């Protein structure tokens, strides 16, 4: 008889949430398994901050909230419970308060892409985010060159790529300038070898 690999014990949602409150390292949760998150580059952090700064005045006018990397998103996908830490979410539903540590009905979700996460962000996470009825837009943002890819529900999730100018955000009924998102990294060298100019 061949030896079998030992199965890891599955972690309950309650144990995961309790552990995350005191954890020094954040973890994402996928149906009983947890995955440690890696640290972000300076460029990544500055882009998230600039995006939040640009969106916050519009969000306040509409009674929405901009939240960044420390708040989780809870999803149910094909019967599996998932918790992700998106780089940014826009919360416009005042009833979306089931727990102080996560959202369930954001209007917009954004991820800043990096070589270690881009494949997962573009596939698993994007498919998970668009499965939420509340989500109207998903932003995938390059960090080494100006490029914001927006996927919109009203366009059947077809990608639009903006490298300059303004892009319209349906959730806020407002425009976002690509230059504002990259303003703080314009003079920094690319974080990764082989990045586009």
C-alpha atoms as a PDB file:
ATOM      1  CA  UNK A   1       0.000   0.000   0.000  1.00  0.00           C
ATOM      2  CA  UNK A   2       1.322   3.443  -0.961  1.00  0.00           C
ATOM      3  CA  UNK A   3       1.744   6.038   1.782  1.00  0.00           C
ATOM      4  CA  UNK A   4      -0.722   8.904   1.649  1.00  0.00           C
ATOM      5  CA  UNK A   5       0.144  12.512   2.315  1.00  0.00           C
ATOM      6  CA  UNK A   6      -1.150  13.767   5.628  1.00  0.00           C
ATOM      7  CA  UNK A   7      -4.121  16.049   5.205  1.00  0.00           C
ATOM      8  CA  UNK A   8      -3.986  19.426   6.844  1.00  0.00           C
ATOM      9  CA  UNK A   9      -6.816  20.068   9.251  1.00  0.00           C
ATOM     10  CA  UNK A  10      -9.387  22.493   7.899  1.00  0.00           C
ATOM     11  CA  UNK A  11      -9.835  25.720   9.821  1.00  0.00           C
ATOM     12  CA  UNK A  12     -13.321  26.942  10.655  1.00  0.00           C
ATOM     13  CA  UNK A  13     -14.446  30.443   9.706  1.00  0.00           C
ATOM     14  CA  UNK A  14     -14.774  31.346  13.405  1.00  0.00           C
ATOM     15  CA  UNK A  15     -11.215  30.178  14.180  1.00  0.00           C
ATOM     16  CA  UNK A  16      -9.839  31.994  11.125  1.00  0.00           C
ATOM     17  CA  UNK A  17     -11.520  35.274  12.063  1.00  0.00           C
ATOM     18  CA  UNK A  18     -10.385  34.972  15.693  1.00  0.00           C
ATOM     19  CA  UNK A  19      -6.821  34.242  14.594  1.00  0.00           C
ATOM     20  CA  UNK A  20      -6.696  37.172  12.169  1.00  0.00           C
ATOM     21  CA  UNK A  21      -7.600  39.669  14.889  1.00  0.00           C
ATOM     22  CA  UNK A  22      -4.305  39.012  16.692  1.00  0.00           C
ATOM     23  CA  UNK A  23      -2.120  37.843  13.785  1.00  0.00           C
ATOM     24  CA  UNK A  24       1.081  39.672  12.902  1.00  0.00           C
ATOM     25  CA  UNK A  25       0.804  38.362   9.330  1.00  0.00           C
ATOM     26  CA  UNK A  26      -2.451  38.598   7.360  1.00  0.00           C
ATOM     27  CA  UNK A  27      -3.888  35.435   5.816  1.00  0.00           C
ATOM     28  CA  UNK A  28      -6.462  34.847   3.132  1.00  0.00           C
ATOM     29  CA  UNK A  29      -8.941  32.020   3.654  1.00  0.00           C
ATOM     30  CA  UNK A  30     -10.221  29.643   0.997  1.00  0.00           C
ATOM     31  CA  UNK A  31     -12.725  27.052   2.181  1.00  0.00           C
ATOM     32  CA  UNK A  32     -10.820  25.945   5.290  1.00  0.00           C
ATOM     33  CA  UNK A  33      -7.262  26.618   4.112  1.00  0.00           C
ATOM     34  CA  UNK A  34      -5.282  29.743   4.999  1.00  0.00           C
ATOM     35  CA  UNK A  35      -2.538  31.399   2.973  1.00  0.00           C
ATOM     36  CA  UNK A  36      -0.079  33.955   4.350  1.00  0.00           C
ATOM     37  CA  UNK A  37       0.157  37.197   2.437  1.00  0.00           C
ATOM     38  CA  UNK A  38       3.460  38.682   1.360  1.00  0.00           C
ATOM     39  CA  UNK A  39       4.500  42.273   1.933  1.00  0.00           C
ATOM     40  CA  UNK A  40       3.927  44.985  -0.659  1.00  0.00           C
ATOM     41  CA  UNK A  41       6.499  47.139  -2.451  1.00  0.00           C
ATOM     42  CA  UNK A  42       6.759  50.863  -1.868  1.00  0.00           C
ATOM     43  CA  UNK A  43       5.251  51.514  -5.323  1.00  0.00           C
ATOM     44  CA  UNK A  44       2.327  49.231  -4.519  1.00  0.00           C
ATOM     45  CA  UNK A  45       1.605  51.005  -1.217  1.00  0.00           C
ATOM     46  CA  UNK A  46       1.867  54.480  -2.764  1.00  0.00           C
ATOM     47  CA  UNK A  47      -0.531  53.561  -5.585  1.00  0.00           C
ATOM     48  CA  UNK A  48      -3.099  52.196  -3.115  1.00  0.00           C
ATOM     49  CA  UNK A  49      -2.785  55.374  -1.029  1.00  0.00           C
ATOM     50  CA  UNK A  50      -3.127  57.639  -4.086  1.00  0.00           C
ATOM     51  CA  UNK A  51      -6.186  55.724  -5.297  1.00  0.00           C
ATOM     52  CA  UNK A  52      -7.834  55.999  -1.877  1.00  0.00           C
ATOM     53  CA  UNK A  53      -6.969  59.708  -1.704  1.00  0.00           C
ATOM     54  CA  UNK A  54      -8.468  60.330  -5.170  1.00  0.00           C
ATOM     55  CA  UNK A  55     -11.684  58.398  -4.462  1.00  0.00           C
ATOM     56  CA  UNK A  56     -12.421  59.529  -0.905  1.00  0.00           C
ATOM     57  CA  UNK A  57     -13.935  62.981  -1.680  1.00  0.00           C
ATOM     58  CA  UNK A  58     -16.312  61.430  -4.252  1.00  0.00           C
ATOM     59  CA  UNK A  59     -17.151  58.599  -1.851  1.00  0.00           C
ATOM     60  CA  UNK A  60     -17.996  60.979   0.979  1.00  0.00           C
ATOM     61  CA  UNK A  61     -20.322  62.982  -1.263  1.00  0.00           C
ATOM     62  CA  UNK A  62     -22.247  59.800  -2.100  1.00  0.00           C
ATOM     63  CA  UNK A  63     -22.295  58.387   1.443  1.00  0.00           C
ATOM     64  CA  UNK A  64     -19.792  55.640   0.553  1.00  0.00           C
ATOM     65  CA  UNK A  65     -16.583  54.537   2.291  1.00  0.00           C
ATOM     66  CA  UNK A  66     -13.175  53.751   0.810  1.00  0.00           C
ATOM     67  CA  UNK A  67     -11.363  50.979   2.669  1.00  0.00           C
ATOM     68  CA  UNK A  68      -7.900  49.600   1.982  1.00  0.00           C
ATOM     69  CA  UNK A  69      -5.827  46.498   2.627  1.00  0.00           C
ATOM     70  CA  UNK A  70      -6.690  45.800   6.263  1.00  0.00           C
ATOM     71  CA  UNK A  71     -10.377  44.997   5.769  1.00  0.00           C
ATOM     72  CA  UNK A  72     -11.413  41.608   4.410  1.00  0.00           C
ATOM     73  CA  UNK A  73     -14.011  40.742   1.786  1.00  0.00           C
ATOM     74  CA  UNK A  74     -16.151  37.675   2.520  1.00  0.00           C
ATOM     75  CA  UNK A  75     -17.494  35.726  -0.452  1.00  0.00           C
ATOM     76  CA  UNK A  76     -19.420  32.546  -1.100  1.00  0.00           C
ATOM     77  CA  UNK A  77     -18.250  30.988  -4.370  1.00  0.00           C
ATOM     78  CA  UNK A  78     -19.540  27.583  -5.508  1.00  0.00           C
ATOM     79  CA  UNK A  79     -20.379  26.693  -1.907  1.00  0.00           C
ATOM     80  CA  UNK A  80     -16.952  27.694  -0.584  1.00  0.00           C
ATOM     81  CA  UNK A  81     -16.388  30.462   1.962  1.00  0.00           C
ATOM     82  CA  UNK A  82     -13.548  32.788   0.963  1.00  0.00           C
ATOM     83  CA  UNK A  83     -11.933  35.789   2.642  1.00  0.00           C
ATOM     84  CA  UNK A  84      -9.645  38.020   0.570  1.00  0.00           C
ATOM     85  CA  UNK A  85      -7.837  41.238   1.490  1.00  0.00           C
ATOM     86  CA  UNK A  86      -8.370  43.412  -1.622  1.00  0.00           C
ATOM     87  CA  UNK A  87      -6.074  46.401  -1.961  1.00  0.00           C
ATOM     88  CA  UNK A  88      -9.105  48.702  -1.987  1.00  0.00           C
ATOM     89  CA  UNK A  89     -12.884  48.419  -1.776  1.00  0.00           C
ATOM     90  CA  UNK A  90     -15.651  50.954  -2.117  1.00  0.00           C
ATOM     91  CA  UNK A  91     -18.548  50.304   0.241  1.00  0.00           C
ATOM     92  CA  UNK A  92     -21.796  52.083  -0.678  1.00  0.00           C
ATOM     93  CA  UNK A  93     -24.379  49.769   0.920  1.00  0.00           C
ATOM     94  CA  UNK A  94     -25.152  51.044   4.452  1.00  0.00           C
ATOM     95  CA  UNK A  95     -26.487  47.605   5.430  1.00  0.00           C
ATOM     96  CA  UNK A  96     -23.155  45.895   4.652  1.00  0.00           C
ATOM     97  CA  UNK A  97     -22.096  45.641   8.302  1.00  0.00           C
ATOM     98  CA  UNK A  98     -22.337  41.978   9.297  1.00  0.00           C
ATOM     99  CA  UNK A  99     -18.983  42.122  11.059  1.00  0.00           C
ATOM    100  CA  UNK A 100     -16.508  44.923  11.870  1.00  0.00           C
ATOM    101  CA  UNK A 101     -13.676  43.004  10.169  1.00  0.00           C
ATOM    102  CA  UNK A 102     -15.080  42.322   6.698  1.00  0.00           C
ATOM    103  CA  UNK A 103     -17.442  43.488   3.961  1.00  0.00           C
ATOM    104  CA  UNK A 104     -19.798  41.374   1.868  1.00  0.00           C
ATOM    105  CA  UNK A 105     -21.273  43.853  -0.634  1.00  0.00           C
ATOM    106  CA  UNK A 106     -18.725  46.317  -2.025  1.00  0.00           C
ATOM    107  CA  UNK A 107     -19.535  48.276  -5.176  1.00  0.00           C
ATOM    108  CA  UNK A 108     -15.950  48.430  -6.461  1.00  0.00           C
ATOM    109  CA  UNK A 109     -12.887  46.264  -5.775  1.00  0.00           C
ATOM    110  CA  UNK A 110      -9.296  47.128  -6.780  1.00  0.00           C
ATOM    111  CA  UNK A 111      -6.070  45.133  -6.852  1.00  0.00           C
ATOM    112  CA  UNK A 112      -2.584  46.495  -7.588  1.00  0.00           C
ATOM    113  CA  UNK A 113      -0.802  43.831  -9.607  1.00  0.00           C
ATOM    114  CA  UNK A 114       2.610  42.411  -8.763  1.00  0.00           C
ATOM    115  CA  UNK A 115       4.517  39.478 -10.285  1.00  0.00           C
ATOM    116  CA  UNK A 116       3.754  37.256  -7.291  1.00  0.00           C
ATOM    117  CA  UNK A 117      -0.007  37.955  -7.308  1.00  0.00           C
ATOM    118  CA  UNK A 118      -0.956  38.944 -10.866  1.00  0.00           C
ATOM    119  CA  UNK A 119      -1.977  35.458 -12.019  1.00  0.00           C
ATOM    120  CA  UNK A 120      -4.264  34.956  -9.005  1.00  0.00           C
ATOM    121  CA  UNK A 121      -5.597  38.544  -9.177  1.00  0.00           C
ATOM    122  CA  UNK A 122      -6.478  38.192 -12.874  1.00  0.00           C
ATOM    123  CA  UNK A 123      -8.104  34.778 -12.591  1.00  0.00           C
ATOM    124  CA  UNK A 124      -9.318  33.506  -9.222  1.00  0.00           C
ATOM    125  CA  UNK A 125      -9.899  36.840  -7.564  1.00  0.00           C
ATOM    126  CA  UNK A 126     -11.402  38.591 -10.577  1.00  0.00           C
ATOM    127  CA  UNK A 127     -13.860  35.722 -11.113  1.00  0.00           C
ATOM    128  CA  UNK A 128     -14.726  35.747  -7.417  1.00  0.00           C
ATOM    129  CA  UNK A 129     -15.237  39.509  -7.303  1.00  0.00           C
ATOM    130  CA  UNK A 130     -17.511  39.629 -10.341  1.00  0.00           C
ATOM    131  CA  UNK A 131     -19.661  36.864  -8.840  1.00  0.00           C
ATOM    132  CA  UNK A 132     -20.874  39.321  -6.169  1.00  0.00           C
ATOM    133  CA  UNK A 133     -24.133  40.977  -7.254  1.00  0.00           C
ATOM    134  CA  UNK A 134     -23.103  44.246  -5.556  1.00  0.00           C
ATOM    135  CA  UNK A 135     -19.856  44.642  -7.517  1.00  0.00           C
ATOM    136  CA  UNK A 136     -20.196  46.983 -10.479  1.00  0.00           C
ATOM    137  CA  UNK A 137     -16.485  47.477 -11.238  1.00  0.00           C
ATOM    138  CA  UNK A 138     -13.144  45.783 -10.655  1.00  0.00           C
ATOM    139  CA  UNK A 139      -9.867  47.663 -11.162  1.00  0.00           C
ATOM    140  CA  UNK A 140      -6.613  45.833 -11.899  1.00  0.00           C
ATOM    141  CA  UNK A 141      -3.782  48.345 -11.613  1.00  0.00           C
ATOM    142  CA  UNK A 142      -0.236  47.898 -12.942  1.00  0.00           C
ATOM    143  CA  UNK A 143       2.394  49.145 -10.541  1.00  0.00           C
ATOM    144  CA  UNK A 144       5.466  49.589 -12.759  1.00  0.00           C
ATOM    145  CA  UNK A 145       3.846  51.650 -15.523  1.00  0.00           C
ATOM    146  CA  UNK A 146       0.576  53.596 -15.912  1.00  0.00           C
ATOM    147  CA  UNK A 147      -2.198  51.164 -16.845  1.00  0.00           C
ATOM    148  CA  UNK A 148      -5.547  50.738 -15.138  1.00  0.00           C
ATOM    149  CA  UNK A 149      -7.693  47.880 -16.389  1.00  0.00           C
ATOM    150  CA  UNK A 150     -11.367  48.277 -15.526  1.00  0.00           C
ATOM    151  CA  UNK A 151     -13.909  45.471 -15.739  1.00  0.00           C
ATOM    152  CA  UNK A 152     -17.513  46.708 -15.640  1.00  0.00           C
ATOM    153  CA  UNK A 153     -20.728  44.801 -15.072  1.00  0.00           C
ATOM    154  CA  UNK A 154     -22.524  47.005 -17.638  1.00  0.00           C
ATOM    155  CA  UNK A 155     -19.960  45.931 -20.268  1.00  0.00           C
ATOM    156  CA  UNK A 156     -20.298  42.229 -19.434  1.00  0.00           C
ATOM    157  CA  UNK A 157     -16.942  42.422 -17.613  1.00  0.00           C
ATOM    158  CA  UNK A 158     -14.953  43.122 -20.791  1.00  0.00           C
ATOM    159  CA  UNK A 159     -11.656  44.823 -19.915  1.00  0.00           C
ATOM    160  CA  UNK A 160     -10.961  48.448 -20.791  1.00  0.00           C
ATOM    161  CA  UNK A 161      -7.350  49.616 -20.339  1.00  0.00           C
ATOM    162  CA  UNK A 162      -6.615  53.259 -19.563  1.00  0.00           C
ATOM    163  CA  UNK A 163      -3.027  54.519 -19.673  1.00  0.00           C
ATOM    164  CA  UNK A 164      -3.867  58.239 -19.483  1.00  0.00           C
ATOM    165  CA  UNK A 165      -6.752  60.609 -19.188  1.00  0.00           C
ATOM    166  CA  UNK A 166      -9.907  59.906 -17.195  1.00  0.00           C
ATOM    167  CA  UNK A 167     -11.891  56.763 -16.526  1.00  0.00           C
ATOM    168  CA  UNK A 168     -15.495  56.873 -15.405  1.00  0.00           C
ATOM    169  CA  UNK A 169     -16.454  55.027 -12.225  1.00  0.00           C
ATOM    170  CA  UNK A 170     -20.119  54.022 -12.224  1.00  0.00           C
ATOM    171  CA  UNK A 171     -20.163  53.366  -8.472  1.00  0.00           C
ATOM    172  CA  UNK A 172     -19.339  56.980  -7.723  1.00  0.00           C
ATOM    173  CA  UNK A 173     -20.683  58.629 -10.870  1.00  0.00           C
ATOM    174  CA  UNK A 174     -17.293  60.325 -11.019  1.00  0.00           C
ATOM    175  CA  UNK A 175     -14.096  60.395 -13.074  1.00  0.00           C
ATOM    176  CA  UNK A 176     -10.717  59.102 -11.936  1.00  0.00           C
ATOM    177  CA  UNK A 177      -7.552  60.553 -13.483  1.00  0.00           C
ATOM    178  CA  UNK A 178      -4.936  57.898 -14.284  1.00  0.00           C
ATOM    179  CA  UNK A 179      -2.219  60.479 -13.517  1.00  0.00           C
ATOM    180  CA  UNK A 180      -3.561  60.913  -9.967  1.00  0.00           C
ATOM    181  CA  UNK A 181      -3.160  57.195  -9.253  1.00  0.00           C
ATOM    182  CA  UNK A 182       0.505  57.265 -10.340  1.00  0.00           C
ATOM    183  CA  UNK A 183       1.452  60.754  -9.104  1.00  0.00           C
ATOM    184  CA  UNK A 184       3.511  59.528  -6.139  1.00  0.00           C
ATOM    185  CA  UNK A 185       5.507  56.918  -8.087  1.00  0.00           C
ATOM    186  CA  UNK A 186       6.364  58.951 -11.192  1.00  0.00           C
ATOM    187  CA  UNK A 187      10.000  59.392 -10.133  1.00  0.00           C
ATOM    188  CA  UNK A 188      10.547  55.952  -8.572  1.00  0.00           C
ATOM    189  CA  UNK A 189      12.317  53.238 -10.567  1.00  0.00           C
ATOM    190  CA  UNK A 190      10.213  50.194 -11.503  1.00  0.00           C
ATOM    191  CA  UNK A 191       9.990  47.663  -8.680  1.00  0.00           C
ATOM    192  CA  UNK A 192      10.480  44.669 -10.970  1.00  0.00           C
ATOM    193  CA  UNK A 193      12.935  43.669 -13.678  1.00  0.00           C
ATOM    194  CA  UNK A 194      11.405  43.503 -17.123  1.00  0.00           C
ATOM    195  CA  UNK A 195       8.655  46.020 -16.372  1.00  0.00           C
ATOM    196  CA  UNK A 196       7.214  47.881 -19.327  1.00  0.00           C
ATOM    197  CA  UNK A 197       8.478  51.458 -19.811  1.00  0.00           C
END
